[in-house]
Amino acid sequence: MDSSDALIARFLALHPKTIDLSLGRIQRLLAELGHPERRLPPVIHVAGTNGKGSTIAFMRAILESAGLAVHVYTSPHLVRFHERIRLGRFGGGQYVTESRLVEAFRRCEAVNKAQPITVFEITTAAALLIFAEEPADVLLLEVGLGGRFDATNVIDKPAAAVVTPIGHDHAEYLGTTLEAIAKEKAGIFKRGCPAVIAPQDYLEADRTLCGEAERIGAAPVLVGQHDFSVHEEGGRLVYQDENGLLDLPRPKLIGRHQFTNAGTAIAALRAAGFEQFETSAFEAGLTRAEWPGRLQRLSKGRLPEIAPQGCELWLDGGHNIDGGRVLAAAMADQSERSDAPLVLITGMLGTKDSQAFFKNFSGLAREVIAVPIAGQIAARPAEEVAAIAASVGLTTSVAPSVESALASLHDYVWDRPPRVLICGSLYLAGEVLAANGTLPE
C-alpha cells in the first residue's frame, strides 16, 4: 500500500509549479468528488500574514474548553504532513491517521485522473473530503497563501471570515504594496457573512480591508480598534465589544502580540455565533492554547542537553519583517523580566527579506550564529545569512548545524547563561523539533 509520502511525491508530478494560485482546478476536483465543501460543519476561514496559526490555536482551545468538537486545517506542517489535518473529537482533537489520509489521497488521485493540479490543491481537497465525512461542530480553516485564489477559498458561506495582521511577504504572488496584499487577503470575505479584521499594524492595510469588506457586502464587519478592543491590564487580558467586557488571564502563548491574536480569536467566535460561551471557556482556552514552533520554550529533549547549563532555549518559525519585530519585542520583554545575553541561531530561505528581519535585533542580540536548513534548495547558505546579519551591525558566526551551534556556546565565557532563540524559518523549526524528539501533538 502506498504511503502518504509516496502519494504526495506522485502529486508533485501533476503540475510544473509548486504554487499556481487559481480556483479552477480544485473546483473541478471537488465537483467530481461530490462537493464535500458543501457538507462541512460551520467554517471559520482565516487569512493574514502573521498570527493566523496562533489565532486558530486560541479559537480551538476555547471551543474545546466549551465542549465542542473542532476540525482544524493549517499549513505548512513542521514535521509530518498529518499536522495539517486535525480531526475534532469530544475532549480534544487528534491528527489524521496515516490510513485515513492515504485513503483520501487515493480517492482524490483516482478522481483527478492525472489532470494538472498542484500538491496544495489536491491535498486540500482530500482534507475537505475527510472533514465532510467526520462529524464535528466547527471547522477552523487556514488559508495557505493569499486568500482570493487560495485553494481553501471554496466556502460560499463561512460562519466568519477573519484577517489577522497583514505585512509584506510573498510579494511574487500577492504584490509589493500593502494595499495589493490586503485585497488578496480580503478575497475570503463573502456577501452577508461576518468579516473580522484584526487590529492592523499598517493603516493602508486597515483601510483596504475595511473598504473591501464594505464593497463585497460582508456583514457584520468587526474591525479591531473600532468594534472590539483588547489590551493588557495588570498582567491580564481585557477584551471588550458590544456584548460586554471579559477580564481574562494572560494568554499562554508568549509575546505581547498574542494579546491581539487572542482578542481576534474571541471576536471571531462571537461573530460566528458562539457568543453564548461562559467566561470559563474563554479563560480555559487562553491558558491551554498550544501552537508548536511559535515562541516555544524547549525545556526537554535532546537539544537543551547540548546547550550550556541554565541556558534558555526558544524556538520560533517567524521569517518576515513583522515576524522579526514581534520576536524581538518578545525577547526584549523576556530580558526585562530576567536579563540574559541573547543569541540567535538562524537559518533563512532566499525568498525572505533577511536584512529587514535582522534589523529588528540590532542592539538586542549579542550574536547571530547562521546555520543551513537541511534539505531545502531555496535556503540561503549559512555564510550568506551571516553576511546579511553583519550588514546591520550584528556580530556573526557560522555553524554547520543547530546542534553544533549550541555546542559552540560552551566556548564562550558568559556572565550568566544565555537566552538562545532558534528562528528564521518554519522549515528550520520543524528540523529542530524532529532533532529534539519533541514532535507536535
Protein backbone atom coordinates (compact mmCIF):
# COMPACT_ATOMS: atom_id res chain seq x y z
CA MET A 1 0.00 0.00 0.00
CA ASP A 2 1.26 3.48 -0.87
CA SER A 3 2.31 5.73 1.99
CA SER A 4 1.09 9.32 2.23
CA ASP A 5 4.63 10.50 1.42
CA ALA A 6 4.69 8.36 -1.72
CA LEU A 7 1.35 9.74 -2.85
CA ILE A 8 2.48 13.34 -2.26
CA ALA A 9 5.57 12.60 -4.32
CA ARG A 10 3.29 11.43 -7.16
CA PHE A 11 1.16 14.58 -6.80
CA LEU A 12 4.27 16.71 -7.39
CA ALA A 13 4.39 15.48 -10.97
CA LEU A 14 0.86 16.68 -11.74
CA HIS A 15 1.77 20.37 -12.09
CA PRO A 16 5.03 22.08 -13.14
CA LYS A 17 4.68 24.70 -10.37
CA THR A 18 4.52 24.21 -6.61
CA ILE A 19 2.33 27.32 -6.32
CA ASP A 20 -0.10 28.43 -9.04
CA LEU A 21 -2.88 30.47 -7.44
CA SER A 22 -6.19 29.54 -9.08
CA LEU A 23 -9.56 28.11 -8.07
CA GLY A 24 -10.48 26.32 -11.29
CA ARG A 25 -8.57 23.09 -10.69
CA ILE A 26 -9.75 22.49 -7.13
CA GLN A 27 -13.34 23.44 -8.01
CA ARG A 28 -13.26 20.83 -10.76
CA LEU A 29 -11.90 18.15 -8.41
CA LEU A 30 -14.36 18.98 -5.63
CA ALA A 31 -17.25 18.74 -8.09
CA GLU A 32 -16.05 15.31 -9.19
CA LEU A 33 -15.80 14.28 -5.51
CA GLY A 34 -19.44 15.26 -4.92
CA HIS A 35 -18.79 18.70 -3.42
CA PRO A 36 -17.51 17.86 0.07
CA GLU A 37 -17.02 21.59 0.66
CA ARG A 38 -20.82 21.89 0.83
CA ARG A 39 -21.11 19.24 3.56
CA LEU A 40 -18.84 20.76 6.19
CA PRO A 41 -19.66 21.93 9.71
CA PRO A 42 -19.73 25.74 10.17
CA VAL A 43 -16.44 27.17 8.87
CA ILE A 44 -14.34 29.98 10.30
CA HIS A 45 -11.95 30.95 7.49
CA VAL A 46 -8.69 32.68 8.48
CA ALA A 47 -6.26 34.65 6.28
CA GLY A 48 -3.43 37.06 7.13
CA THR A 49 0.34 37.44 7.02
CA ASN A 50 1.11 36.87 10.69
CA GLY A 51 -0.84 35.36 13.57
CA LYS A 52 -3.13 33.02 11.63
CA GLY A 53 -1.96 29.90 13.40
CA SER A 54 -1.96 31.44 16.86
CA THR A 55 -5.45 32.88 16.36
CA ILE A 56 -6.67 29.45 15.28
CA ALA A 57 -4.93 27.85 18.28
CA PHE A 58 -6.82 30.18 20.64
CA MET A 59 -10.13 29.52 18.89
CA ARG A 60 -9.60 25.76 19.04
CA ALA A 61 -8.70 25.85 22.72
CA ILE A 62 -11.75 27.99 23.59
CA LEU A 63 -14.14 25.86 21.52
CA GLU A 64 -12.79 22.63 23.01
CA SER A 65 -12.99 24.12 26.51
CA ALA A 66 -16.68 24.73 25.79
CA GLY A 67 -17.09 21.03 24.99
CA LEU A 68 -17.20 21.23 21.18
CA ALA A 69 -15.51 19.00 18.59
CA VAL A 70 -13.26 21.10 16.35
CA HIS A 71 -11.76 20.25 12.95
CA VAL A 72 -8.64 22.26 12.09
CA TYR A 73 -6.80 22.74 8.79
CA THR A 74 -3.45 24.57 8.90
CA SER A 75 -0.28 24.80 6.85
CA PRO A 76 2.57 24.32 6.50
CA HIS A 77 3.36 21.38 8.75
CA LEU A 78 6.51 21.35 10.86
CA VAL A 79 7.50 17.67 10.84
CA ARG A 80 4.75 15.47 9.36
CA PHE A 81 2.03 16.32 6.84
CA HIS A 82 -0.59 14.88 9.21
CA GLU A 83 -0.25 18.01 11.41
CA ARG A 84 -2.24 19.94 8.78
CA ILE A 85 -5.43 17.94 9.41
CA ARG A 86 -6.71 17.76 12.99
CA LEU A 87 -9.98 15.90 13.44
CA GLY A 88 -12.41 17.09 16.08
CA ARG A 89 -13.19 14.78 18.97
CA PHE A 90 -15.05 15.47 22.18
CA GLY A 91 -12.41 16.10 24.81
CA GLY A 92 -9.80 17.16 22.24
CA GLY A 93 -8.87 16.50 18.63
CA GLN A 94 -6.19 14.35 17.06
CA TYR A 95 -4.16 14.42 13.87
CA VAL A 96 -5.49 12.40 10.96
CA THR A 97 -4.21 8.84 10.90
CA GLU A 98 -1.97 7.56 8.14
CA SER A 99 -4.60 5.08 6.91
CA ARG A 100 -7.34 7.74 6.72
CA LEU A 101 -5.04 10.18 4.96
CA VAL A 102 -3.89 7.60 2.41
CA GLU A 103 -7.49 6.60 1.69
CA ALA A 104 -8.49 10.21 1.00
CA PHE A 105 -5.39 10.82 -1.13
CA ARG A 106 -6.10 7.72 -3.22
CA ARG A 107 -9.72 8.75 -3.78
CA CYS A 108 -8.63 12.21 -4.93
CA GLU A 109 -5.94 10.76 -7.17
CA ALA A 110 -8.39 8.35 -8.80
CA VAL A 111 -10.99 11.05 -9.46
CA ASN A 112 -8.41 13.57 -10.66
CA LYS A 113 -7.22 11.17 -13.40
CA ALA A 114 -3.74 12.72 -13.69
CA GLN A 115 -5.15 16.14 -14.67
CA PRO A 116 -2.98 19.17 -13.80
CA ILE A 117 -3.34 20.23 -10.17
CA THR A 118 -0.91 21.49 -7.51
CA VAL A 119 0.00 19.50 -4.42
CA PHE A 120 -1.68 22.02 -2.13
CA GLU A 121 -4.87 21.90 -4.18
CA ILE A 122 -5.23 18.12 -4.24
CA THR A 123 -4.26 17.72 -0.59
CA THR A 124 -6.70 20.48 0.40
CA ALA A 125 -9.42 18.63 -1.49
CA ALA A 126 -8.50 15.49 0.45
CA ALA A 127 -8.70 17.39 3.72
CA LEU A 128 -12.14 18.79 2.89
CA LEU A 129 -13.28 15.28 1.95
CA ILE A 130 -12.15 13.97 5.34
CA PHE A 131 -13.74 16.88 7.23
CA ALA A 132 -17.05 16.36 5.39
CA GLU A 133 -17.16 12.71 6.41
CA GLU A 134 -16.17 13.15 10.07
CA PRO A 135 -18.71 14.81 12.39
CA ALA A 136 -17.67 17.99 14.24
CA ASP A 137 -19.21 21.23 15.47
CA VAL A 138 -16.92 23.64 13.61
CA LEU A 139 -14.03 23.74 11.12
CA LEU A 140 -11.20 26.24 11.54
CA LEU A 141 -9.78 26.67 8.04
CA GLU A 142 -6.47 28.45 7.47
CA VAL A 143 -5.62 30.00 4.10
CA GLY A 144 -2.44 28.62 2.57
CA LEU A 145 -1.30 31.70 0.63
CA GLY A 146 -3.12 34.96 -0.03
CA GLY A 147 -6.86 34.40 0.01
CA ARG A 148 -8.70 35.27 -3.18
CA PHE A 149 -7.26 32.41 -5.26
CA ASP A 150 -6.14 30.14 -2.44
CA ALA A 151 -7.40 26.55 -2.64
CA THR A 152 -9.28 26.96 0.66
CA ASN A 153 -11.43 29.76 -0.79
CA VAL A 154 -14.21 27.43 -1.91
CA ILE A 155 -16.53 28.05 1.04
CA ASP A 156 -19.59 30.02 -0.08
CA LYS A 157 -20.99 30.93 3.34
CA PRO A 158 -18.42 30.86 6.15
CA ALA A 159 -19.67 31.42 9.68
CA ALA A 160 -16.99 34.12 9.79
CA ALA A 161 -14.01 35.22 7.67
CA VAL A 162 -11.05 36.54 9.62
CA VAL A 163 -7.98 38.50 8.52
CA THR A 164 -5.10 38.70 11.01
CA PRO A 165 -2.33 41.37 10.80
CA ILE A 166 -1.04 41.97 7.28
CA GLY A 167 2.56 42.69 6.34
CA HIS A 168 5.00 42.24 3.48
CA ASP A 169 5.53 38.63 2.42
CA HIS A 170 5.22 36.53 -0.76
CA ALA A 171 5.49 39.61 -2.97
CA GLU A 172 5.99 37.40 -6.03
CA TYR A 173 2.41 36.11 -5.63
CA LEU A 174 0.49 38.81 -3.75
CA GLY A 175 2.03 42.12 -4.84
CA THR A 176 4.56 44.56 -3.48
CA THR A 177 2.21 47.01 -1.75
CA LEU A 178 0.20 46.54 1.43
CA GLU A 179 -2.93 47.56 -0.45
CA ALA A 180 -2.42 44.81 -3.04
CA ILE A 181 -1.70 42.21 -0.36
CA ALA A 182 -4.74 43.29 1.67
CA LYS A 183 -7.01 42.96 -1.38
CA GLU A 184 -5.84 39.40 -1.90
CA LYS A 185 -6.44 38.53 1.76
CA ALA A 186 -9.88 40.20 1.68
CA GLY A 187 -10.83 37.80 -1.10
CA ILE A 188 -12.13 35.40 1.58
CA PHE A 189 -14.87 37.87 2.62
CA LYS A 190 -18.33 36.82 1.44
CA ARG A 191 -21.52 38.80 1.00
CA GLY A 192 -23.73 38.63 4.08
CA CYS A 193 -21.14 36.78 6.16
CA PRO A 194 -19.31 38.28 9.17
CA ALA A 195 -15.87 39.72 8.41
CA VAL A 196 -13.50 40.10 11.36
CA ILE A 197 -10.47 42.34 10.83
CA ALA A 198 -7.74 42.08 13.46
CA PRO A 199 -6.04 45.25 14.71
CA GLN A 200 -3.62 46.05 11.89
CA ASP A 201 -0.05 47.29 12.11
CA TYR A 202 -0.40 49.42 8.96
CA LEU A 203 -3.10 51.99 8.20
CA GLU A 204 -3.05 51.12 4.47
CA ALA A 205 -3.93 47.51 5.26
CA ASP A 206 -6.71 48.51 7.63
CA ARG A 207 -8.28 50.91 5.13
CA THR A 208 -8.12 48.41 2.28
CA LEU A 209 -9.60 45.55 4.31
CA CYS A 210 -12.47 47.72 5.56
CA GLY A 211 -13.12 49.05 2.07
CA GLU A 212 -13.15 45.56 0.55
CA ALA A 213 -15.48 44.23 3.26
CA GLU A 214 -17.94 47.04 2.56
CA ARG A 215 -17.63 46.62 -1.22
CA ILE A 216 -18.30 42.88 -1.02
CA GLY A 217 -21.20 43.38 1.39
CA ALA A 218 -19.79 41.35 4.25
CA ALA A 219 -21.89 41.94 7.36
CA PRO A 220 -21.42 42.50 10.19
CA VAL A 221 -17.91 43.85 9.80
CA LEU A 222 -16.00 43.74 13.08
CA VAL A 223 -12.89 45.88 12.94
CA GLY A 224 -10.30 45.73 15.71
CA GLN A 225 -9.71 49.10 17.40
CA HIS A 226 -13.22 50.15 16.32
CA ASP A 227 -15.76 47.41 17.14
CA PHE A 228 -13.72 45.42 19.64
CA SER A 229 -10.70 46.18 21.79
CA VAL A 230 -8.12 44.10 23.60
CA HIS A 231 -5.32 45.20 25.89
CA GLU A 232 -3.17 44.11 28.80
CA GLU A 233 -4.04 45.40 32.23
CA GLY A 234 -2.37 44.22 35.41
CA GLY A 235 -0.98 41.16 33.68
CA ARG A 236 -4.41 40.13 32.40
CA LEU A 237 -6.20 40.36 29.06
CA VAL A 238 -9.14 42.73 28.89
CA TYR A 239 -11.46 42.27 25.91
CA GLN A 240 -14.50 44.44 25.16
CA ASP A 241 -17.12 44.61 22.44
CA GLU A 242 -20.84 45.41 22.19
CA ASN A 243 -21.61 42.22 24.13
CA GLY A 244 -19.65 43.40 27.15
CA LEU A 245 -16.27 43.07 28.83
CA LEU A 246 -14.18 39.98 29.55
CA ASP A 247 -11.43 40.10 32.17
CA LEU A 248 -9.26 37.08 31.30
CA PRO A 249 -5.91 35.52 32.23
CA ARG A 250 -2.73 36.29 30.30
CA PRO A 251 -2.56 34.08 27.18
CA LYS A 252 -0.37 31.00 27.48
CA LEU A 253 1.34 31.77 24.17
CA ILE A 254 4.31 34.08 24.73
CA GLY A 255 4.64 37.62 23.35
CA ARG A 256 2.62 40.82 23.55
CA HIS A 257 1.32 40.16 20.01
CA GLN A 258 -0.57 37.18 21.41
CA PHE A 259 -2.95 39.56 23.19
CA THR A 260 -4.02 40.78 19.73
CA ASN A 261 -4.32 37.23 18.41
CA ALA A 262 -6.35 36.11 21.42
CA GLY A 263 -8.66 39.13 21.12
CA THR A 264 -9.15 38.45 17.42
CA ALA A 265 -10.00 34.82 18.24
CA ILE A 266 -12.67 35.91 20.73
CA ALA A 267 -14.15 38.42 18.25
CA ALA A 268 -14.23 35.76 15.52
CA LEU A 269 -16.00 33.21 17.73
CA ARG A 270 -18.60 35.75 18.81
CA ALA A 271 -19.16 36.86 15.21
CA ALA A 272 -19.56 33.21 14.16
CA GLY A 273 -22.38 32.66 16.65
CA PHE A 274 -20.50 31.36 19.69
CA GLU A 275 -21.17 34.38 21.87
CA GLN A 276 -23.13 32.27 24.37
CA PHE A 277 -19.99 30.69 25.88
CA GLU A 278 -19.44 31.00 29.61
CA THR A 279 -16.48 33.15 30.66
CA SER A 280 -14.83 29.98 31.97
CA ALA A 281 -14.48 28.65 28.39
CA PHE A 282 -12.58 31.77 27.32
CA GLU A 283 -10.43 31.61 30.47
CA ALA A 284 -9.55 27.96 29.95
CA GLY A 285 -8.91 28.43 26.23
CA LEU A 286 -6.43 31.26 26.71
CA THR A 287 -4.46 29.29 29.30
CA ARG A 288 -4.47 25.99 27.36
CA ALA A 289 -3.68 27.11 23.80
CA GLU A 290 -0.72 25.35 22.18
CA TRP A 291 0.99 26.26 18.91
CA PRO A 292 4.30 24.44 18.29
CA GLY A 293 7.21 26.31 16.76
CA ARG A 294 5.95 29.75 17.76
CA LEU A 295 7.94 31.13 20.69
CA GLN A 296 8.02 27.60 22.04
CA ARG A 297 10.23 27.04 25.07
CA LEU A 298 12.35 23.92 24.64
CA SER A 299 13.00 22.71 28.17
CA LYS A 300 13.02 18.97 27.48
CA GLY A 301 14.58 16.83 24.77
CA ARG A 302 17.98 16.36 23.20
CA LEU A 303 18.89 19.96 22.32
CA PRO A 304 18.67 21.54 25.80
CA GLU A 305 21.17 18.91 26.95
CA ILE A 306 23.69 20.15 24.35
CA ALA A 307 23.42 23.82 25.37
CA PRO A 308 25.27 25.30 28.39
CA GLN A 309 23.66 24.56 31.74
CA GLY A 310 20.97 27.09 32.68
CA CYS A 311 20.56 28.25 29.08
CA GLU A 312 17.06 29.24 27.94
CA LEU A 313 16.18 27.72 24.59
CA TRP A 314 13.35 29.16 22.45
CA LEU A 315 12.08 28.20 19.00
CA ASP A 316 10.09 30.27 16.51
CA GLY A 317 9.39 29.94 12.79
CA GLY A 318 8.89 33.69 12.17
CA HIS A 319 10.68 34.77 9.00
CA ASN A 320 9.43 38.13 7.68
CA ILE A 321 9.98 41.72 8.86
CA ASP A 322 6.89 41.80 11.07
CA GLY A 323 7.60 38.33 12.43
CA GLY A 324 11.06 39.58 13.35
CA ARG A 325 9.58 42.65 15.02
CA VAL A 326 7.27 40.70 17.32
CA LEU A 327 10.02 38.20 18.08
CA ALA A 328 12.43 40.98 19.05
CA ALA A 329 9.74 42.58 21.22
CA ALA A 330 9.09 39.25 22.94
CA MET A 331 12.79 38.73 23.61
CA ALA A 332 13.07 42.29 24.95
CA ASP A 333 10.15 41.56 27.29
CA GLN A 334 11.88 38.40 28.49
CA SER A 335 15.05 40.39 29.09
CA GLU A 336 13.14 42.87 31.26
CA ARG A 337 11.86 40.01 33.41
CA SER A 338 15.20 38.20 33.54
CA ASP A 339 18.28 39.72 31.93
CA ALA A 340 20.38 37.33 29.83
CA PRO A 341 22.54 37.71 26.72
CA LEU A 342 20.53 36.90 23.58
CA VAL A 343 21.98 34.62 20.89
CA LEU A 344 20.15 33.90 17.63
CA ILE A 345 20.67 30.62 15.79
CA THR A 346 19.20 31.36 12.39
CA GLY A 347 18.56 29.75 9.02
CA MET A 348 16.52 31.50 6.32
CA LEU A 349 15.17 30.98 2.82
CA GLY A 350 16.44 33.07 -0.07
CA THR A 351 12.90 34.32 -0.77
CA LYS A 352 12.74 36.21 2.53
CA ASP A 353 13.96 39.74 3.34
CA SER A 354 16.64 38.62 5.77
CA GLN A 355 18.09 42.10 6.27
CA ALA A 356 14.72 43.53 7.34
CA PHE A 357 14.29 40.57 9.70
CA PHE A 358 17.68 41.08 11.36
CA LYS A 359 17.30 44.86 11.74
CA ASN A 360 14.78 44.16 14.49
CA PHE A 361 17.53 42.59 16.60
CA SER A 362 20.16 45.32 16.18
CA GLY A 363 21.33 46.30 19.67
CA LEU A 364 19.41 43.39 21.21
CA ALA A 365 21.18 40.20 20.09
CA ARG A 366 24.72 39.51 21.31
CA GLU A 367 25.46 37.27 18.33
CA VAL A 368 23.87 35.57 15.34
CA ILE A 369 25.03 32.03 14.53
CA ALA A 370 23.93 31.22 10.98
CA VAL A 371 23.12 27.61 10.08
CA PRO A 372 21.95 25.83 6.90
CA ILE A 373 18.46 24.37 6.58
CA ALA A 374 18.79 20.72 5.64
CA GLY A 375 17.01 19.55 2.51
CA GLN A 376 15.83 22.99 1.39
CA ILE A 377 17.09 24.03 -2.05
CA ALA A 378 15.72 27.56 -1.52
CA ALA A 379 17.62 28.06 1.75
CA ARG A 380 20.33 30.72 1.85
CA PRO A 381 23.84 29.38 2.52
CA ALA A 382 24.76 29.96 6.16
CA GLU A 383 27.63 32.23 5.11
CA GLU A 384 25.20 34.46 3.21
CA VAL A 385 22.83 34.65 6.21
CA ALA A 386 25.78 35.64 8.41
CA ALA A 387 26.86 38.34 5.96
CA ILE A 388 23.37 39.83 5.88
CA ALA A 389 23.18 39.89 9.68
CA ALA A 390 26.63 41.52 9.81
CA SER A 391 25.46 44.21 7.37
CA VAL A 392 23.07 45.56 10.02
CA GLY A 393 25.77 45.60 12.71
CA LEU A 394 25.27 42.22 14.34
CA THR A 395 28.17 40.02 15.41
CA THR A 396 28.02 36.78 13.45
CA SER A 397 29.50 33.32 13.07
CA VAL A 398 28.61 30.18 11.10
CA ALA A 399 27.94 26.62 12.24
CA PRO A 400 27.13 23.50 10.19
CA SER A 401 24.04 22.63 12.27
CA VAL A 402 21.87 23.75 15.16
CA GLU A 403 23.48 21.09 17.34
CA SER A 404 26.99 22.35 16.63
CA ALA A 405 25.84 25.96 17.15
CA LEU A 406 24.53 25.05 20.60
CA ALA A 407 27.70 23.11 21.42
CA SER A 408 29.83 26.12 20.40
CA LEU A 409 28.24 28.20 23.16
CA HIS A 410 30.37 26.27 25.67
CA ASP A 411 33.43 28.04 24.19
CA TYR A 412 32.19 31.44 25.40
CA VAL A 413 32.60 32.98 28.83
CA TRP A 414 29.15 34.13 29.95
CA ASP A 415 28.30 36.44 32.84
CA ARG A 416 25.05 34.49 33.03
CA PRO A 417 23.65 31.64 30.92
CA PRO A 418 22.47 32.89 27.52
CA ARG A 419 18.95 33.05 26.13
CA VAL A 420 19.01 31.32 22.73
CA LEU A 421 16.37 31.90 20.05
CA ILE A 422 16.36 29.48 17.11
CA CYS A 423 14.46 31.28 14.35
CA GLY A 424 14.16 32.39 10.74
CA SER A 425 12.16 29.61 9.08
CA LEU A 426 9.32 27.19 9.74
CA TYR A 427 11.39 24.57 7.91
CA LEU A 428 14.18 25.10 10.44
CA ALA A 429 11.64 24.93 13.28
CA GLY A 430 10.43 21.55 12.02
CA GLU A 431 14.00 20.29 11.71
CA VAL A 432 14.68 21.36 15.30
CA LEU A 433 11.57 19.70 16.74
CA ALA A 434 12.46 16.47 14.97
CA ALA A 435 16.07 16.61 16.18
CA ASN A 436 14.89 17.39 19.70
CA GLY A 437 12.46 14.46 19.76
CA THR A 438 9.52 16.72 20.64
CA LEU A 439 7.11 16.34 17.72
CA PRO A 440 3.88 18.39 17.56
CA GLU A 441 0.92 16.62 19.16
